PDB file of N, CA and C in Angstrom:
ATOM      1  N   MET A   1      -6.046  14.538  -6.754  1.00  0.00           N
ATOM      2  CA  MET A   1      -5.259  14.105  -5.604  1.00  0.00           C
ATOM      3  C   MET A   1      -3.783  14.116  -5.984  1.00  0.00           C
ATOM      4  N   SER A   2      -2.949  14.466  -5.052  1.00  0.00           N
ATOM      5  CA  SER A   2      -1.520  14.559  -5.292  1.00  0.00           C
ATOM      6  C   SER A   2      -0.824  13.243  -4.966  1.00  0.00           C
ATOM      7  N   PHE A   3       0.480  13.275  -5.076  1.00  0.00           N
ATOM      8  CA  PHE A   3       1.286  12.108  -4.775  1.00  0.00           C
ATOM      9  C   PHE A   3       2.452  12.546  -3.892  1.00  0.00           C
ATOM     10  N   GLU A   4       2.785  11.699  -2.952  1.00  0.00           N
ATOM     11  CA  GLU A   4       3.984  11.894  -2.144  1.00  0.00           C
ATOM     12  C   GLU A   4       4.504  10.537  -1.725  1.00  0.00           C
ATOM     13  N   PHE A   5       5.735  10.538  -1.260  1.00  0.00           N
ATOM     14  CA  PHE A   5       6.312   9.292  -0.755  1.00  0.00           C
ATOM     15  C   PHE A   5       7.221   9.609   0.412  1.00  0.00           C
ATOM     16  N   GLN A   6       7.406   8.601   1.259  1.00  0.00           N
ATOM     17  CA  GLN A   6       8.309   8.706   2.396  1.00  0.00           C
ATOM     18  C   GLN A   6       9.257   7.522   2.341  1.00  0.00           C
ATOM     19  N   LEU A   7      10.533   7.789   2.582  1.00  0.00           N
ATOM     20  CA  LEU A   7      11.544   6.739   2.591  1.00  0.00           C
ATOM     21  C   LEU A   7      12.258   6.777   3.928  1.00  0.00           C
ATOM     22  N   GLU A   8      12.270   5.643   4.609  1.00  0.00           N
ATOM     23  CA  GLU A   8      13.004   5.529   5.869  1.00  0.00           C
ATOM     24  C   GLU A   8      13.616   4.145   5.948  1.00  0.00           C
ATOM     25  N   THR A   9      14.615   3.999   6.781  1.00  0.00           N
ATOM     26  CA  THR A   9      15.281   2.715   6.960  1.00  0.00           C
ATOM     27  C   THR A   9      15.060   2.229   8.384  1.00  0.00           C
ATOM     28  N   THR A  10      14.604   0.975   8.497  1.00  0.00           N
ATOM     29  CA  THR A  10      14.370   0.352   9.791  1.00  0.00           C
ATOM     30  C   THR A  10      14.977  -1.038   9.781  1.00  0.00           C
ATOM     31  N   ASN A  11      15.869  -1.303  10.714  1.00  0.00           N
ATOM     32  CA  ASN A  11      16.508  -2.626  10.828  1.00  0.00           C
ATOM     33  C   ASN A  11      17.099  -3.106   9.507  1.00  0.00           C
ATOM     34  N   GLY A  12      17.750  -2.213   8.790  1.00  0.00           N
ATOM     35  CA  GLY A  12      18.420  -2.579   7.546  1.00  0.00           C
ATOM     36  C   GLY A  12      17.518  -2.705   6.337  1.00  0.00           C
ATOM     37  N   VAL A  13      16.232  -2.401   6.488  1.00  0.00           N
ATOM     38  CA  VAL A  13      15.279  -2.482   5.383  1.00  0.00           C
ATOM     39  C   VAL A  13      14.806  -1.074   5.037  1.00  0.00           C
ATOM     40  N   GLN A  14      14.898  -0.719   3.768  1.00  0.00           N
ATOM     41  CA  GLN A  14      14.386   0.569   3.314  1.00  0.00           C
ATOM     42  C   GLN A  14      12.880   0.442   3.102  1.00  0.00           C
ATOM     43  N   HIS A  15      12.122   1.335   3.736  1.00  0.00           N
ATOM     44  CA  HIS A  15      10.665   1.349   3.608  1.00  0.00           C
ATOM     45  C   HIS A  15      10.283   2.538   2.744  1.00  0.00           C
ATOM     46  N   LEU A  16       9.626   2.264   1.640  1.00  0.00           N
ATOM     47  CA  LEU A  16       9.152   3.311   0.751  1.00  0.00           C
ATOM     48  C   LEU A  16       7.631   3.281   0.776  1.00  0.00           C
ATOM     49  N   LYS A  17       7.022   4.303   1.361  1.00  0.00           N
ATOM     50  CA  LYS A  17       5.570   4.375   1.446  1.00  0.00           C
ATOM     51  C   LYS A  17       5.063   5.329   0.378  1.00  0.00           C
ATOM     52  N   LEU A  18       4.127   4.845  -0.443  1.00  0.00           N
ATOM     53  CA  LEU A  18       3.548   5.636  -1.521  1.00  0.00           C
ATOM     54  C   LEU A  18       2.169   6.126  -1.099  1.00  0.00           C
ATOM     55  N   VAL A  19       1.880   7.412  -1.351  1.00  0.00           N
ATOM     56  CA  VAL A  19       0.622   8.015  -0.921  1.00  0.00           C
ATOM     57  C   VAL A  19       0.006   8.796  -2.081  1.00  0.00           C
ATOM     58  N   GLY A  20      -1.269   8.521  -2.364  1.00  0.00           N
ATOM     59  CA  GLY A  20      -1.991   9.289  -3.385  1.00  0.00           C
ATOM     60  C   GLY A  20      -2.101   8.560  -4.713  1.00  0.00           C
ATOM     61  N   ARG A  21      -1.826   9.299  -5.784  1.00  0.00           N
ATOM     62  CA  ARG A  21      -1.935   8.769  -7.150  1.00  0.00           C
ATOM     63  C   ARG A  21      -0.574   8.810  -7.829  1.00  0.00           C
ATOM     64  N   LEU A  22      -0.086   7.653  -8.244  1.00  0.00           N
ATOM     65  CA  LEU A  22       1.181   7.574  -8.976  1.00  0.00           C
ATOM     66  C   LEU A  22       0.841   7.450 -10.450  1.00  0.00           C
ATOM     67  N   ASP A  23       0.986   8.562 -11.173  1.00  0.00           N
ATOM     68  CA  ASP A  23       0.587   8.575 -12.581  1.00  0.00           C
ATOM     69  C   ASP A  23       1.585   9.376 -13.406  1.00  0.00           C
ATOM     70  N   THR A  24       1.227   9.652 -14.643  1.00  0.00           N
ATOM     71  CA  THR A  24       2.114  10.322 -15.584  1.00  0.00           C
ATOM     72  C   THR A  24       2.571  11.684 -15.072  1.00  0.00           C
ATOM     73  N   SER A  25       1.722  12.370 -14.356  1.00  0.00           N
ATOM     74  CA  SER A  25       2.093  13.707 -13.883  1.00  0.00           C
ATOM     75  C   SER A  25       2.860  13.693 -12.567  1.00  0.00           C
ATOM     76  N   THR A  26       2.946  12.546 -11.892  1.00  0.00           N
ATOM     77  CA  THR A  26       3.607  12.509 -10.587  1.00  0.00           C
ATOM     78  C   THR A  26       4.798  11.552 -10.501  1.00  0.00           C
ATOM     79  N   PHE A  27       4.967  10.659 -11.456  1.00  0.00           N
ATOM     80  CA  PHE A  27       5.995   9.620 -11.313  1.00  0.00           C
ATOM     81  C   PHE A  27       7.420  10.168 -11.314  1.00  0.00           C
ATOM     82  N   LEU A  28       7.648  11.317 -11.943  1.00  0.00           N
ATOM     83  CA  LEU A  28       9.000  11.871 -11.999  1.00  0.00           C
ATOM     84  C   LEU A  28       9.551  12.194 -10.612  1.00  0.00           C
ATOM     85  N   SER A  29       8.674  12.547  -9.680  1.00  0.00           N
ATOM     86  CA  SER A  29       9.130  12.863  -8.325  1.00  0.00           C
ATOM     87  C   SER A  29       9.702  11.632  -7.613  1.00  0.00           C
ATOM     88  N   LEU A  30       9.308  10.454  -8.031  1.00  0.00           N
ATOM     89  CA  LEU A  30       9.758   9.205  -7.413  1.00  0.00           C
ATOM     90  C   LEU A  30      10.913   8.548  -8.169  1.00  0.00           C
ATOM     91  N   GLU A  31      11.082   8.894  -9.420  1.00  0.00           N
ATOM     92  CA  GLU A  31      12.045   8.187 -10.283  1.00  0.00           C
ATOM     93  C   GLU A  31      13.469   8.189  -9.736  1.00  0.00           C
ATOM     94  N   LYS A  32      13.984   9.319  -9.294  1.00  0.00           N
ATOM     95  CA  LYS A  32      15.359   9.384  -8.789  1.00  0.00           C
ATOM     96  C   LYS A  32      15.528   8.499  -7.552  1.00  0.00           C
ATOM     97  N   THR A  33      14.542   8.507  -6.673  1.00  0.00           N
ATOM     98  CA  THR A  33      14.600   7.671  -5.469  1.00  0.00           C
ATOM     99  C   THR A  33      14.606   6.195  -5.841  1.00  0.00           C
ATOM    100  N   ILE A  34      13.712   5.812  -6.755  1.00  0.00           N
ATOM    101  CA  ILE A  34      13.651   4.410  -7.199  1.00  0.00           C
ATOM    102  C   ILE A  34      14.986   3.977  -7.795  1.00  0.00           C
ATOM    103  N   ASN A  35      15.572   4.835  -8.613  1.00  0.00           N
ATOM    104  CA  ASN A  35      16.838   4.498  -9.268  1.00  0.00           C
ATOM    105  C   ASN A  35      17.989   4.331  -8.282  1.00  0.00           C
ATOM    106  N   GLY A  36      17.893   4.924  -7.101  1.00  0.00           N
ATOM    107  CA  GLY A  36      18.963   4.823  -6.122  1.00  0.00           C
ATOM    108  C   GLY A  36      18.765   3.779  -5.045  1.00  0.00           C
ATOM    109  N   LEU A  37      17.676   3.034  -5.099  1.00  0.00           N
ATOM    110  CA  LEU A  37      17.384   2.087  -4.017  1.00  0.00           C
ATOM    111  C   LEU A  37      18.333   0.902  -3.950  1.00  0.00           C
ATOM    112  N   PHE A  38      18.758   0.391  -5.081  1.00  0.00           N
ATOM    113  CA  PHE A  38      19.549  -0.846  -5.088  1.00  0.00           C
ATOM    114  C   PHE A  38      20.957  -0.591  -5.584  1.00  0.00           C
ATOM    115  N   GLN A  39      21.897  -0.662  -4.646  1.00  0.00           N
ATOM    116  CA  GLN A  39      23.309  -0.480  -4.969  1.00  0.00           C
ATOM    117  C   GLN A  39      24.106  -1.766  -4.756  1.00  0.00           C
ATOM    118  N   SER A  40      23.606  -2.673  -3.886  1.00  0.00           N
ATOM    119  CA  SER A  40      24.350  -3.899  -3.581  1.00  0.00           C
ATOM    120  C   SER A  40      23.399  -5.027  -3.214  1.00  0.00           C
ATOM    121  N   ALA A  41      23.947  -6.210  -3.070  1.00  0.00           N
ATOM    122  CA  ALA A  41      23.153  -7.399  -2.736  1.00  0.00           C
ATOM    123  C   ALA A  41      22.545  -7.300  -1.341  1.00  0.00           C
ATOM    124  N   GLU A  42      23.088  -6.443  -0.489  1.00  0.00           N
ATOM    125  CA  GLU A  42      22.550  -6.292   0.864  1.00  0.00           C
ATOM    126  C   GLU A  42      21.287  -5.437   0.896  1.00  0.00           C
ATOM    127  N   ASP A  43      20.982  -4.739  -0.173  1.00  0.00           N
ATOM    128  CA  ASP A  43      19.838  -3.831  -0.177  1.00  0.00           C
ATOM    129  C   ASP A  43      18.517  -4.598  -0.189  1.00  0.00           C
ATOM    130  N   LYS A  44      17.671  -4.235   0.778  1.00  0.00           N
ATOM    131  CA  LYS A  44      16.330  -4.806   0.909  1.00  0.00           C
ATOM    132  C   LYS A  44      15.342  -3.655   0.943  1.00  0.00           C
ATOM    133  N   VAL A  45      14.330  -3.734   0.098  1.00  0.00           N
ATOM    134  CA  VAL A  45      13.374  -2.633  -0.014  1.00  0.00           C
ATOM    135  C   VAL A  45      11.961  -3.169   0.096  1.00  0.00           C
ATOM    136  N   LEU A  46      11.189  -2.498   0.921  1.00  0.00           N
ATOM    137  CA  LEU A  46       9.772  -2.787   1.105  1.00  0.00           C
ATOM    138  C   LEU A  46       8.999  -1.590   0.578  1.00  0.00           C
ATOM    139  N   ILE A  47       8.149  -1.802  -0.418  1.00  0.00           N
ATOM    140  CA  ILE A  47       7.308  -0.723  -0.923  1.00  0.00           C
ATOM    141  C   ILE A  47       5.897  -0.944  -0.394  1.00  0.00           C
ATOM    142  N   ASP A  48       5.425   0.032   0.369  1.00  0.00           N
ATOM    143  CA  ASP A  48       4.122  -0.014   1.027  1.00  0.00           C
ATOM    144  C   ASP A  48       3.106   0.748   0.177  1.00  0.00           C
ATOM    145  N   PHE A  49       2.113   0.026  -0.331  1.00  0.00           N
ATOM    146  CA  PHE A  49       1.089   0.590  -1.198  1.00  0.00           C
ATOM    147  C   PHE A  49      -0.214   0.891  -0.451  1.00  0.00           C
ATOM    148  N   SER A  50      -0.215   0.796   0.872  1.00  0.00           N
ATOM    149  CA  SER A  50      -1.458   0.916   1.641  1.00  0.00           C
ATOM    150  C   SER A  50      -2.180   2.248   1.437  1.00  0.00           C
ATOM    151  N   SER A  51      -1.454   3.305   1.114  1.00  0.00           N
ATOM    152  CA  SER A  51      -2.067   4.628   0.933  1.00  0.00           C
ATOM    153  C   SER A  51      -2.053   5.092  -0.521  1.00  0.00           C
ATOM    154  N   LEU A  52      -1.753   4.183  -1.431  1.00  0.00           N
ATOM    155  CA  LEU A  52      -1.761   4.523  -2.857  1.00  0.00           C
ATOM    156  C   LEU A  52      -3.130   4.168  -3.426  1.00  0.00           C
ATOM    157  N   SER A  53      -3.807   5.149  -3.988  1.00  0.00           N
ATOM    158  CA  SER A  53      -5.159   4.921  -4.504  1.00  0.00           C
ATOM    159  C   SER A  53      -5.184   4.557  -5.985  1.00  0.00           C
ATOM    160  N   TYR A  54      -4.101   4.880  -6.713  1.00  0.00           N
ATOM    161  CA  TYR A  54      -4.088   4.655  -8.156  1.00  0.00           C
ATOM    162  C   TYR A  54      -2.645   4.546  -8.639  1.00  0.00           C
ATOM    163  N   ILE A  55      -2.430   3.674  -9.624  1.00  0.00           N
ATOM    164  CA  ILE A  55      -1.121   3.574 -10.269  1.00  0.00           C
ATOM    165  C   ILE A  55      -1.343   3.433 -11.776  1.00  0.00           C
ATOM    166  N   SER A  56      -0.631   4.244 -12.549  1.00  0.00           N
ATOM    167  CA  SER A  56      -0.741   4.201 -14.005  1.00  0.00           C
ATOM    168  C   SER A  56       0.383   3.342 -14.572  1.00  0.00           C
ATOM    169  N   SER A  57       0.414   3.227 -15.885  1.00  0.00           N
ATOM    170  CA  SER A  57       1.482   2.459 -16.540  1.00  0.00           C
ATOM    171  C   SER A  57       2.847   3.089 -16.267  1.00  0.00           C
ATOM    172  N   SER A  58       2.916   4.395 -16.110  1.00  0.00           N
ATOM    173  CA  SER A  58       4.184   5.057 -15.777  1.00  0.00           C
ATOM    174  C   SER A  58       4.663   4.625 -14.393  1.00  0.00           C
ATOM    175  N   GLY A  59       3.752   4.531 -13.453  1.00  0.00           N
ATOM    176  CA  GLY A  59       4.087   4.065 -12.118  1.00  0.00           C
ATOM    177  C   GLY A  59       4.503   2.602 -12.119  1.00  0.00           C
ATOM    178  N   LEU A  60       3.792   1.791 -12.889  1.00  0.00           N
ATOM    179  CA  LEU A  60       4.154   0.375 -13.008  1.00  0.00           C
ATOM    180  C   LEU A  60       5.563   0.222 -13.560  1.00  0.00           C
ATOM    181  N   ARG A  61       5.897   1.057 -14.535  1.00  0.00           N
ATOM    182  CA  ARG A  61       7.232   0.988 -15.134  1.00  0.00           C
ATOM    183  C   ARG A  61       8.295   1.256 -14.072  1.00  0.00           C
ATOM    184  N   LEU A  62       8.060   2.230 -13.196  1.00  0.00           N
ATOM    185  CA  LEU A  62       9.022   2.518 -12.127  1.00  0.00           C
ATOM    186  C   LEU A  62       9.210   1.323 -11.198  1.00  0.00           C
ATOM    187  N   ILE A  63       8.128   0.660 -10.854  1.00  0.00           N
ATOM    188  CA  ILE A  63       8.216  -0.512  -9.979  1.00  0.00           C
ATOM    189  C   ILE A  63       8.971  -1.633 -10.689  1.00  0.00           C
ATOM    190  N   LEU A  64       8.726  -1.793 -11.977  1.00  0.00           N
ATOM    191  CA  LEU A  64       9.454  -2.797 -12.763  1.00  0.00           C
ATOM    192  C   LEU A  64      10.944  -2.470 -12.815  1.00  0.00           C
ATOM    193  N   VAL A  65      11.289  -1.207 -12.973  1.00  0.00           N
ATOM    194  CA  VAL A  65      12.694  -0.775 -12.964  1.00  0.00           C
ATOM    195  C   VAL A  65      13.340  -1.161 -11.631  1.00  0.00           C
ATOM    196  N   ALA A  66      12.637  -0.925 -10.530  1.00  0.00           N
ATOM    197  CA  ALA A  66      13.162  -1.283  -9.206  1.00  0.00           C
ATOM    198  C   ALA A  66      13.385  -2.791  -9.105  1.00  0.00           C
ATOM    199  N   ALA A  67      12.432  -3.575  -9.591  1.00  0.00           N
ATOM    200  CA  ALA A  67      12.554  -5.037  -9.537  1.00  0.00           C
ATOM    201  C   ALA A  67      13.741  -5.523 -10.374  1.00  0.00           C
ATOM    202  N   LYS A  68      13.909  -4.948 -11.539  1.00  0.00           N
ATOM    203  CA  LYS A  68      15.038  -5.342 -12.398  1.00  0.00           C
ATOM    204  C   LYS A  68      16.363  -4.968 -11.753  1.00  0.00           C
ATOM    205  N   ARG A  69      16.421  -3.790 -11.173  1.00  0.00           N
ATOM    206  CA  ARG A  69      17.654  -3.347 -10.516  1.00  0.00           C
ATOM    207  C   ARG A  69      17.967  -4.239  -9.310  1.00  0.00           C
ATOM    208  N   ALA A  70      16.945  -4.612  -8.552  1.00  0.00           N
ATOM    209  CA  ALA A  70      17.157  -5.518  -7.414  1.00  0.00           C
ATOM    210  C   ALA A  70      17.761  -6.833  -7.886  1.00  0.00           C
ATOM    211  N   ARG A  71      17.230  -7.377  -8.966  1.00  0.00           N
ATOM    212  CA  ARG A  71      17.758  -8.640  -9.504  1.00  0.00           C
ATOM    213  C   ARG A  71      19.195  -8.481  -9.985  1.00  0.00           C
ATOM    214  N   GLN A  72      19.505  -7.366 -10.628  1.00  0.00           N
ATOM    215  CA  GLN A  72      20.851  -7.130 -11.156  1.00  0.00           C
ATOM    216  C   GLN A  72      21.907  -7.143 -10.068  1.00  0.00           C
ATOM    217  N   VAL A  73      21.594  -6.540  -8.927  1.00  0.00           N
ATOM    218  CA  VAL A  73      22.592  -6.442  -7.861  1.00  0.00           C
ATOM    219  C   VAL A  73      22.444  -7.535  -6.813  1.00  0.00           C
ATOM    220  N   GLY A  74      21.390  -8.347  -6.933  1.00  0.00           N
ATOM    221  CA  GLY A  74      21.162  -9.410  -5.957  1.00  0.00           C
ATOM    222  C   GLY A  74      20.432  -8.945  -4.716  1.00  0.00           C
ATOM    223  N   GLY A  75      19.799  -7.778  -4.779  1.00  0.00           N
ATOM    224  CA  GLY A  75      19.012  -7.266  -3.653  1.00  0.00           C
ATOM    225  C   GLY A  75      17.634  -7.911  -3.629  1.00  0.00           C
ATOM    226  N   ARG A  76      16.782  -7.391  -2.780  1.00  0.00           N
ATOM    227  CA  ARG A  76      15.447  -7.974  -2.653  1.00  0.00           C
ATOM    228  C   ARG A  76      14.403  -6.873  -2.544  1.00  0.00           C
ATOM    229  N   LEU A  77      13.334  -7.013  -3.325  1.00  0.00           N
ATOM    230  CA  LEU A  77      12.218  -6.069  -3.332  1.00  0.00           C
ATOM    231  C   LEU A  77      10.949  -6.813  -2.956  1.00  0.00           C
ATOM    232  N   LEU A  78      10.191  -6.227  -2.028  1.00  0.00           N
ATOM    233  CA  LEU A  78       8.936  -6.825  -1.625  1.00  0.00           C
ATOM    234  C   LEU A  78       7.870  -5.731  -1.592  1.00  0.00           C
ATOM    235  N   LEU A  79       6.730  -6.006  -2.194  1.00  0.00           N
ATOM    236  CA  LEU A  79       5.612  -5.068  -2.221  1.00  0.00           C
ATOM    237  C   LEU A  79       4.592  -5.519  -1.188  1.00  0.00           C
ATOM    238  N   CYS A  80       3.974  -4.558  -0.482  1.00  0.00           N
ATOM    239  CA  CYS A  80       2.979  -4.958   0.516  1.00  0.00           C
ATOM    240  C   CYS A  80       1.775  -4.043   0.507  1.00  0.00           C
ATOM    241  N   GLU A  81       0.694  -4.587   1.057  1.00  0.00           N
ATOM    242  CA  GLU A  81      -0.564  -3.885   1.297  1.00  0.00           C
ATOM    243  C   GLU A  81      -1.112  -3.196   0.045  1.00  0.00           C
ATOM    244  N   LEU A  82      -1.147  -3.931  -1.059  1.00  0.00           N
ATOM    245  CA  LEU A  82      -1.743  -3.394  -2.280  1.00  0.00           C
ATOM    246  C   LEU A  82      -3.252  -3.314  -2.099  1.00  0.00           C
ATOM    247  N   SER A  83      -3.816  -2.137  -2.336  1.00  0.00           N
ATOM    248  CA  SER A  83      -5.266  -1.979  -2.258  1.00  0.00           C
ATOM    249  C   SER A  83      -5.900  -2.811  -3.362  1.00  0.00           C
ATOM    250  N   PRO A  84      -7.187  -3.126  -3.254  1.00  0.00           N
ATOM    251  CA  PRO A  84      -7.831  -3.927  -4.314  1.00  0.00           C
ATOM    252  C   PRO A  84      -7.679  -3.309  -5.712  1.00  0.00           C
ATOM    253  N   ALA A  85      -7.823  -1.997  -5.826  1.00  0.00           N
ATOM    254  CA  ALA A  85      -7.706  -1.343  -7.142  1.00  0.00           C
ATOM    255  C   ALA A  85      -6.286  -1.456  -7.693  1.00  0.00           C
ATOM    256  N   VAL A  86      -5.291  -1.229  -6.834  1.00  0.00           N
ATOM    257  CA  VAL A  86      -3.895  -1.313  -7.266  1.00  0.00           C
ATOM    258  C   VAL A  86      -3.523  -2.766  -7.542  1.00  0.00           C
ATOM    259  N   ARG A  87      -4.004  -3.685  -6.710  1.00  0.00           N
ATOM    260  CA  ARG A  87      -3.742  -5.115  -6.930  1.00  0.00           C
ATOM    261  C   ARG A  87      -4.284  -5.558  -8.288  1.00  0.00           C
ATOM    262  N   ASP A  88      -5.463  -5.076  -8.660  1.00  0.00           N
ATOM    263  CA  ASP A  88      -6.037  -5.419  -9.966  1.00  0.00           C
ATOM    264  C   ASP A  88      -5.120  -4.989 -11.107  1.00  0.00           C
ATOM    265  N   VAL A  89      -4.549  -3.804 -10.995  1.00  0.00           N
ATOM    266  CA  VAL A  89      -3.633  -3.311 -12.038  1.00  0.00           C
ATOM    267  C   VAL A  89      -2.401  -4.208 -12.114  1.00  0.00           C
ATOM    268  N   PHE A  90      -1.860  -4.586 -10.967  1.00  0.00           N
ATOM    269  CA  PHE A  90      -0.700  -5.481 -10.943  1.00  0.00           C
ATOM    270  C   PHE A  90      -1.060  -6.857 -11.505  1.00  0.00           C
ATOM    271  N   GLU A  91      -2.242  -7.327 -11.190  1.00  0.00           N
ATOM    272  CA  GLU A  91      -2.693  -8.636 -11.685  1.00  0.00           C
ATOM    273  C   GLU A  91      -2.851  -8.613 -13.206  1.00  0.00           C
ATOM    274  N   ILE A  92      -3.547  -7.613 -13.713  1.00  0.00           N
ATOM    275  CA  ILE A  92      -3.788  -7.503 -15.158  1.00  0.00           C
ATOM    276  C   ILE A  92      -2.476  -7.381 -15.921  1.00  0.00           C
ATOM    277  N   SER A  93      -1.525  -6.652 -15.359  1.00  0.00           N
ATOM    278  CA  SER A  93      -0.240  -6.448 -16.036  1.00  0.00           C
ATOM    279  C   SER A  93       0.667  -7.686 -15.953  1.00  0.00           C
ATOM    280  N   GLY A  94       0.322  -8.639 -15.085  1.00  0.00           N
ATOM    281  CA  GLY A  94       1.147  -9.833 -14.915  1.00  0.00           C
ATOM    282  C   GLY A  94       2.266  -9.655 -13.900  1.00  0.00           C
ATOM    283  N   PHE A  95       2.327  -8.485 -13.257  1.00  0.00           N
ATOM    284  CA  PHE A  95       3.407  -8.206 -12.313  1.00  0.00           C
ATOM    285  C   PHE A  95       3.334  -9.076 -11.062  1.00  0.00           C
ATOM    286  N   LEU A  96       2.145  -9.507 -10.677  1.00  0.00           N
ATOM    287  CA  LEU A  96       2.045 -10.335  -9.470  1.00  0.00           C
ATOM    288  C   LEU A  96       2.738 -11.684  -9.650  1.00  0.00           C
ATOM    289  N   LYS A  97       2.924 -12.092 -10.898  1.00  0.00           N
ATOM    290  CA  LYS A  97       3.605 -13.356 -11.167  1.00  0.00           C
ATOM    291  C   LYS A  97       5.117 -13.223 -11.069  1.00  0.00           C
ATOM    292  N   ILE A  98       5.618 -12.008 -11.194  1.00  0.00           N
ATOM    293  CA  ILE A  98       7.076 -11.829 -11.214  1.00  0.00           C
ATOM    294  C   ILE A  98       7.613 -11.036 -10.025  1.00  0.00           C
ATOM    295  N   MET A  99       6.723 -10.558  -9.148  1.00  0.00           N
ATOM    296  CA  MET A  99       7.152  -9.776  -7.996  1.00  0.00           C
ATOM    297  C   MET A  99       6.661 -10.406  -6.704  1.00  0.00           C
ATOM    298  N   GLU A 100       7.471 -10.258  -5.688  1.00  0.00           N
ATOM    299  CA  GLU A 100       7.134 -10.798  -4.375  1.00  0.00           C
ATOM    300  C   GLU A 100       6.239  -9.807  -3.638  1.00  0.00           C
ATOM    301  N   THR A 101       5.134 -10.313  -3.078  1.00  0.00           N
ATOM    302  CA  THR A 101       4.199  -9.463  -2.353  1.00  0.00           C
ATOM    303  C   THR A 101       3.884 -10.058  -0.984  1.00  0.00           C
ATOM    304  N   ALA A 102       3.378  -9.200  -0.113  1.00  0.00           N
ATOM    305  CA  ALA A 102       2.904  -9.634   1.207  1.00  0.00           C
ATOM    306  C   ALA A 102       1.632  -8.864   1.514  1.00  0.00           C
ATOM    307  N   ASP A 103       0.749  -9.501   2.269  1.00  0.00           N
ATOM    308  CA  ASP A 103      -0.518  -8.850   2.605  1.00  0.00           C
ATOM    309  C   ASP A 103      -0.351  -7.693   3.588  1.00  0.00           C
ATOM    310  N   THR A 104       0.575  -7.833   4.522  1.00  0.00           N
ATOM    311  CA  THR A 104       0.754  -6.792   5.529  1.00  0.00           C
ATOM    312  C   THR A 104       2.208  -6.357   5.606  1.00  0.00           C
ATOM    313  N   LYS A 105       2.400  -5.173   6.170  1.00  0.00           N
ATOM    314  CA  LYS A 105       3.757  -4.650   6.331  1.00  0.00           C
ATOM    315  C   LYS A 105       4.565  -5.508   7.313  1.00  0.00           C
ATOM    316  N   ALA A 106       3.896  -5.998   8.343  1.00  0.00           N
ATOM    317  CA  ALA A 106       4.590  -6.838   9.340  1.00  0.00           C
ATOM    318  C   ALA A 106       5.108  -8.129   8.716  1.00  0.00           C
ATOM    319  N   VAL A 107       4.286  -8.754   7.893  1.00  0.00           N
ATOM    320  CA  VAL A 107       4.711  -9.990   7.215  1.00  0.00           C
ATOM    321  C   VAL A 107       5.870  -9.699   6.260  1.00  0.00           C
ATOM    322  N   ALA A 108       5.764  -8.588   5.545  1.00  0.00           N
ATOM    323  CA  ALA A 108       6.818  -8.201   4.607  1.00  0.00           C
ATOM    324  C   ALA A 108       8.137  -7.926   5.341  1.00  0.00           C
ATOM    325  N   GLN A 109       8.056  -7.187   6.434  1.00  0.00           N
ATOM    326  CA  GLN A 109       9.248  -6.873   7.214  1.00  0.00           C
ATOM    327  C   GLN A 109       9.911  -8.161   7.728  1.00  0.00           C
ATOM    328  N   ALA A 110       9.100  -9.075   8.250  1.00  0.00           N
ATOM    329  CA  ALA A 110       9.648 -10.344   8.756  1.00  0.00           C
ATOM    330  C   ALA A 110      10.296 -11.147   7.632  1.00  0.00           C
ATOM    331  N   ALA A 111       9.689 -11.160   6.468  1.00  0.00           N
ATOM    332  CA  ALA A 111      10.238 -11.901   5.338  1.00  0.00           C
ATOM    333  C   ALA A 111      11.580 -11.318   4.901  1.00  0.00           C
ATOM    334  N   LEU A 112      11.702 -10.011   4.911  1.00  0.00           N
ATOM    335  CA  LEU A 112      12.950  -9.370   4.493  1.00  0.00           C
ATOM    336  C   LEU A 112      14.059  -9.530   5.520  1.00  0.00           C
ATOM    337  N   GLN A 113      13.691  -9.736   6.769  1.00  0.00           N
ATOM    338  CA  GLN A 113      14.714  -9.893   7.805  1.00  0.00           C
ATOM    339  C   GLN A 113      15.075 -11.352   8.055  1.00  0.00           C
ATOM    340  N   ALA A 114      14.377 -12.260   7.411  1.00  0.00           N
ATOM    341  CA  ALA A 114      14.650 -13.696   7.605  1.00  0.00           C
ATOM    342  C   ALA A 114      15.930 -14.106   6.914  1.00  0.00           C
TER     343      ALA A 114
END
């Protein structure tokens, strides 16, 4: 299975939807986008995992980079709709303790606009 992503902005929130498998062979396609997401404290990013079937340690590292960059500039990152398999990876890695998540995209969007 391949990997793709879509980035769009709605009501001042950047929505990054991940689709497929984010692993060692596909993470490079997302790296430049991730690195450019947070430029200022006004930046708000929602990463939608609803269509992501797998994430490797390389993919986790990219998400961690985004979280660190958000903290550096005072922006906000929220992850939503993690599938059970992807949620397990985040749980085992300890990322759920350090990252903000929401069960649905609607809840995440409302939280970012509050």
